[in-house]
Protein backbone atom coordinates (compact mmCIF):
# COMPACT_ATOMS: atom_id res chain seq x y z
CA LEU A 1 -30.45 -1.10 -4.88
CA ASP A 2 -28.03 0.75 -8.04
CA ALA A 3 -25.32 3.41 -8.63
CA SER A 4 -28.93 5.81 -9.38
CA ALA A 5 -29.36 5.24 -5.52
CA ILE A 6 -26.36 6.59 -5.04
CA ALA A 7 -26.87 10.01 -6.84
CA ALA A 8 -30.41 10.11 -4.92
CA THR A 9 -28.23 10.29 -1.68
CA THR A 10 -25.56 12.55 -2.64
CA GLN A 11 -28.57 15.08 -3.65
CA ILE A 12 -30.36 14.32 -0.90
CA LEU A 13 -27.10 15.13 1.72
CA GLU A 14 -26.05 17.60 -0.29
CA LEU A 15 -28.89 19.81 1.11
CA ASN A 16 -28.78 17.59 4.95
CA PRO A 17 -25.69 15.78 5.64
CA ASP A 18 -27.55 14.96 9.01
CA ALA A 19 -30.18 12.74 6.64
CA TYR A 20 -29.05 9.74 8.48
CA SER A 21 -31.46 7.49 6.76
CA ALA A 22 -29.96 8.69 3.37
CA TRP A 23 -26.49 7.62 4.77
CA ASN A 24 -27.77 4.52 5.51
CA LEU A 25 -29.27 3.30 2.24
CA ARG A 26 -25.88 4.39 1.05
CA ARG A 27 -24.33 1.97 2.83
CA ARG A 28 -26.80 -0.30 2.03
CA VAL A 29 -26.07 0.30 -2.38
CA LEU A 30 -22.13 0.61 -1.58
CA VAL A 31 -22.13 -3.04 0.29
CA ALA A 32 -23.96 -4.18 -2.84
CA LEU A 33 -21.96 -2.93 -5.64
CA TRP A 34 -18.89 -3.52 -4.02
CA SER A 35 -15.88 -6.01 -5.21
CA GLN A 36 -12.70 -6.51 -4.95
CA GLU A 37 -11.57 -5.03 -8.05
CA ASP A 38 -13.44 -1.50 -7.29
CA ILE A 39 -13.77 -1.35 -3.82
CA ASN A 40 -10.98 1.04 -3.43
CA ALA A 41 -12.22 3.35 -6.47
CA MET A 42 -15.29 3.77 -5.34
CA ALA A 43 -14.35 3.69 -1.50
CA HIS A 44 -11.97 6.73 -2.37
CA GLN A 45 -15.06 8.82 -4.06
CA ASP A 46 -16.86 8.65 -1.43
CA LEU A 47 -14.15 9.98 0.68
CA LYS A 48 -14.00 12.80 -1.55
CA PHE A 49 -17.84 13.64 -1.47
CA ILE A 50 -17.30 13.69 2.57
CA GLU A 51 -14.24 16.11 2.69
CA LYS A 52 -16.22 18.43 0.40
CA LEU A 53 -19.09 18.26 2.88
CA VAL A 54 -17.20 18.53 5.85
CA ARG A 55 -15.39 21.59 4.57
CA VAL A 56 -19.23 23.24 4.96
CA HIS A 57 -20.43 21.14 8.13
CA PRO A 58 -17.29 20.35 10.35
CA LYS A 59 -19.44 19.39 13.10
CA SER A 60 -21.95 16.50 11.49
CA TYR A 61 -21.43 13.91 13.46
CA TRP A 62 -23.22 11.86 10.32
CA LEU A 63 -20.35 12.94 8.10
CA TRP A 64 -17.63 11.61 10.40
CA LEU A 65 -19.63 8.68 11.49
CA HIS A 66 -19.60 7.91 7.59
CA ARG A 67 -15.96 8.42 7.05
CA GLY A 68 -15.20 5.86 9.05
CA TRP A 69 -17.17 3.07 8.00
CA ILE A 70 -15.96 3.66 4.57
CA LEU A 71 -12.11 3.48 5.87
CA ASP A 72 -13.20 0.52 8.05
CA HIS A 73 -14.16 -1.06 4.59
CA MET A 74 -11.21 -0.31 2.61
CA PRO A 75 -7.94 -2.57 2.28
CA SER A 76 -5.43 -0.83 3.05
CA PRO A 77 -6.62 2.76 4.52
CA ASP A 78 -4.50 5.44 4.83
CA TRP A 79 -4.42 6.24 8.78
CA SER A 80 -1.81 8.94 7.99
CA ARG A 81 -3.43 10.94 5.91
CA GLU A 82 -6.72 10.80 7.80
CA LEU A 83 -4.43 12.17 10.83
CA LYS A 84 -3.52 15.06 8.72
CA LEU A 85 -7.05 15.37 7.67
CA VAL A 86 -8.64 15.88 11.46
CA GLN A 87 -5.37 17.84 12.27
CA MET A 88 -5.87 20.34 9.37
CA MET A 89 -10.00 20.41 10.99
CA LEU A 90 -8.91 20.70 14.64
CA ASP A 91 -6.33 24.11 13.59
CA LEU A 92 -9.90 25.65 11.92
CA ASP A 93 -11.94 24.53 14.72
CA PRO A 94 -10.35 23.32 18.02
CA ARG A 95 -13.08 22.70 20.04
CA ASN A 96 -14.55 20.17 17.40
CA PHE A 97 -15.79 17.99 19.70
CA HIS A 98 -16.40 15.34 16.69
CA GLY A 99 -12.96 16.17 15.18
CA TRP A 100 -11.20 15.32 18.30
CA ASP A 101 -13.26 12.04 18.76
CA TYR A 102 -12.21 11.21 14.92
CA ARG A 103 -8.51 11.96 15.77
CA ARG A 104 -9.12 9.61 18.83
CA GLN A 105 -10.45 6.46 16.62
CA VAL A 106 -7.88 7.46 13.54
CA LEU A 107 -4.86 6.93 16.05
CA LYS A 108 -6.36 3.82 17.61
CA LYS A 109 -6.91 2.11 14.55
CA ALA A 110 -3.24 3.04 13.20
CA GLY A 111 -1.87 1.50 16.63
CA LYS A 112 -0.91 4.58 17.92
CA ALA A 113 -3.67 5.59 20.30
CA ALA A 114 -1.13 5.81 23.16
CA VAL A 115 1.69 7.82 22.12
CA PRO A 116 3.33 10.62 24.28
CA GLU A 117 3.26 12.68 21.70
CA GLU A 118 -0.30 13.35 21.79
CA LEU A 119 -0.19 15.05 25.21
CA GLU A 120 2.36 17.28 23.89
CA TYR A 121 -0.47 18.13 21.18
CA SER A 122 -3.55 18.05 23.15
CA MET A 123 -1.62 20.74 25.95
CA GLY A 124 -1.04 22.82 23.27
CA LYS A 125 -4.27 23.32 21.83
CA ILE A 126 -5.21 23.80 25.52
CA ASN A 127 -2.82 26.75 25.58
CA GLN A 128 -4.16 27.85 22.62
CA ASN A 129 -7.40 28.49 24.59
CA PHE A 130 -8.56 27.75 28.10
CA SER A 131 -11.82 27.51 27.13
CA ASN A 132 -11.51 24.16 24.45
CA TYR A 133 -13.44 21.52 26.57
CA SER A 134 -13.01 19.09 24.04
CA ALA A 135 -9.43 19.36 24.21
CA TRP A 136 -9.32 19.10 27.99
CA HIS A 137 -11.77 16.01 27.66
CA TYR A 138 -9.63 14.60 24.82
CA ARG A 139 -6.72 14.91 27.43
CA SER A 140 -8.38 13.07 30.31
CA LYS A 141 -9.38 9.93 28.32
CA LEU A 142 -5.56 10.28 27.04
CA ILE A 143 -4.07 10.39 30.10
CA PRO A 144 -5.12 6.77 31.89
CA ARG A 145 -4.05 5.19 28.12
CA VAL A 146 -0.70 6.03 27.95
CA PHE A 147 0.02 5.76 31.53
CA ALA A 148 -1.26 2.72 31.61
CA ASN A 149 1.30 0.24 33.11
CA GLU A 150 1.97 0.57 36.78
CA SER A 151 5.75 1.39 35.72
CA ASP A 152 4.81 4.53 34.54
CA SER A 153 3.49 6.16 37.55
CA LYS A 154 6.14 8.54 38.66
CA LYS A 155 5.60 9.82 34.76
CA ARG A 156 1.87 9.92 35.24
CA GLU A 157 2.03 11.79 38.72
CA ALA A 158 4.58 14.11 36.81
CA VAL A 159 2.43 15.14 34.19
CA ILE A 160 -0.51 15.08 36.49
CA GLU A 161 1.21 18.27 38.31
CA LYS A 162 2.41 19.63 36.12
CA ASP A 163 -1.17 19.88 34.79
CA PHE A 164 -2.49 20.96 38.09
CA GLU A 165 -0.12 24.32 37.19
CA VAL A 166 -1.63 24.65 33.65
CA VAL A 167 -5.25 24.50 35.50
CA ARG A 168 -4.82 27.15 38.05
CA ASN A 169 -3.16 29.17 35.06
CA ALA A 170 -6.02 28.67 33.68
CA ILE A 171 -8.81 29.36 36.31
CA TYR A 172 -7.35 32.67 36.90
CA THR A 173 -6.95 33.94 33.43
CA GLU A 174 -10.39 32.56 32.64
CA PRO A 175 -12.57 32.10 36.09
CA ALA A 176 -15.60 31.97 34.54
CA ASP A 177 -15.13 29.38 32.26
CA GLN A 178 -15.96 26.10 33.61
CA SER A 179 -13.96 23.98 31.37
CA ALA A 180 -10.57 24.25 33.83
CA TRP A 181 -12.55 23.81 36.90
CA LEU A 182 -14.07 20.40 35.30
CA TYR A 183 -10.41 19.08 34.45
CA GLN A 184 -9.69 20.29 37.87
CA ARG A 185 -11.77 17.92 39.53
CA TRP A 186 -10.97 14.99 37.12
CA LEU A 187 -7.28 15.77 38.22
CA LEU A 188 -8.63 15.26 41.87
CA GLY A 189 -9.66 12.22 41.52
CA GLN A 190 -6.62 10.86 39.96
CA GLN A 191 -4.63 10.43 43.60
CA GLU A 192 -3.83 7.29 44.21
CA ASP A 193 -2.35 7.95 47.79
CA GLN A 194 -4.61 8.71 50.31
CA TYR A 195 -1.64 10.94 51.89
CA GLN A 196 -0.89 12.62 48.89
CA SER A 197 -4.38 13.23 47.97
CA ARG A 198 -5.40 15.19 51.18
CA LYS A 199 -2.03 17.43 50.42
CA VAL A 200 -3.14 18.19 46.76
CA TRP A 201 -6.70 19.04 47.72
CA GLU A 202 -5.85 21.16 50.61
CA ARG A 203 -3.36 23.11 47.98
CA GLU A 204 -6.02 23.15 45.46
CA MET A 205 -8.47 24.33 48.10
CA GLU A 206 -6.45 26.96 48.74
CA SER A 207 -5.27 28.44 45.65
CA ILE A 208 -9.65 28.39 45.31
CA ARG A 209 -10.00 31.16 48.19
CA GLU A 210 -7.07 33.04 46.98
CA LEU A 211 -9.13 33.17 43.69
CA VAL A 212 -12.27 34.26 45.80
CA GLU A 213 -10.77 37.16 47.50
CA VAL A 214 -9.62 38.54 43.89
CA GLU A 215 -12.65 37.43 41.95
CA PRO A 216 -15.78 36.91 44.34
CA ASP A 217 -18.25 36.50 41.40
CA SER A 218 -15.97 33.24 39.72
CA LYS A 219 -17.80 29.77 39.63
CA CYS A 220 -15.68 27.91 41.81
């Protein structure tokens, strides 16, 4: 295991970034070559290599996985730079599921996994495109983290209520798209009070009946 193996895997991965055996070999070689003196230099070289590939293959699972692995082995990873990178990637392709998952990982490792600002960010992406299932899904995982404490229950209810309004708007705008319908189903399961839950279900069912009258072919 030496530097020639790195060069060989580089050639393979430039042709096929999903060649997971090449990534596995590359990691073994890096571990063998790393020392406390050169780990940062070699890690930065690999990060640049991945950035070159991810511009062409932004939805490659193995690229994002290897990038996370590199950063986990660096003494002082620059998580703020990673957040800027993934934000740039999501600006280019807001539906990139791997980009959203990597954003979640970066925020978690940076100690910002449950920051309220993420609520604003995810809703901004949803409003740009109601069919962005990745953003809806991300939000469904984010809300429980942001409002994990019981003392936040009122704020949580207010956010969920506003989300119902956005969902109704999305469904009326794009009734054939399943993204908002799936998120609505998740929202309906978040009602903690049984009486309030029944009222919400009745309200949403009435909204659906009104939609069916206007769009009888909608996928309710």
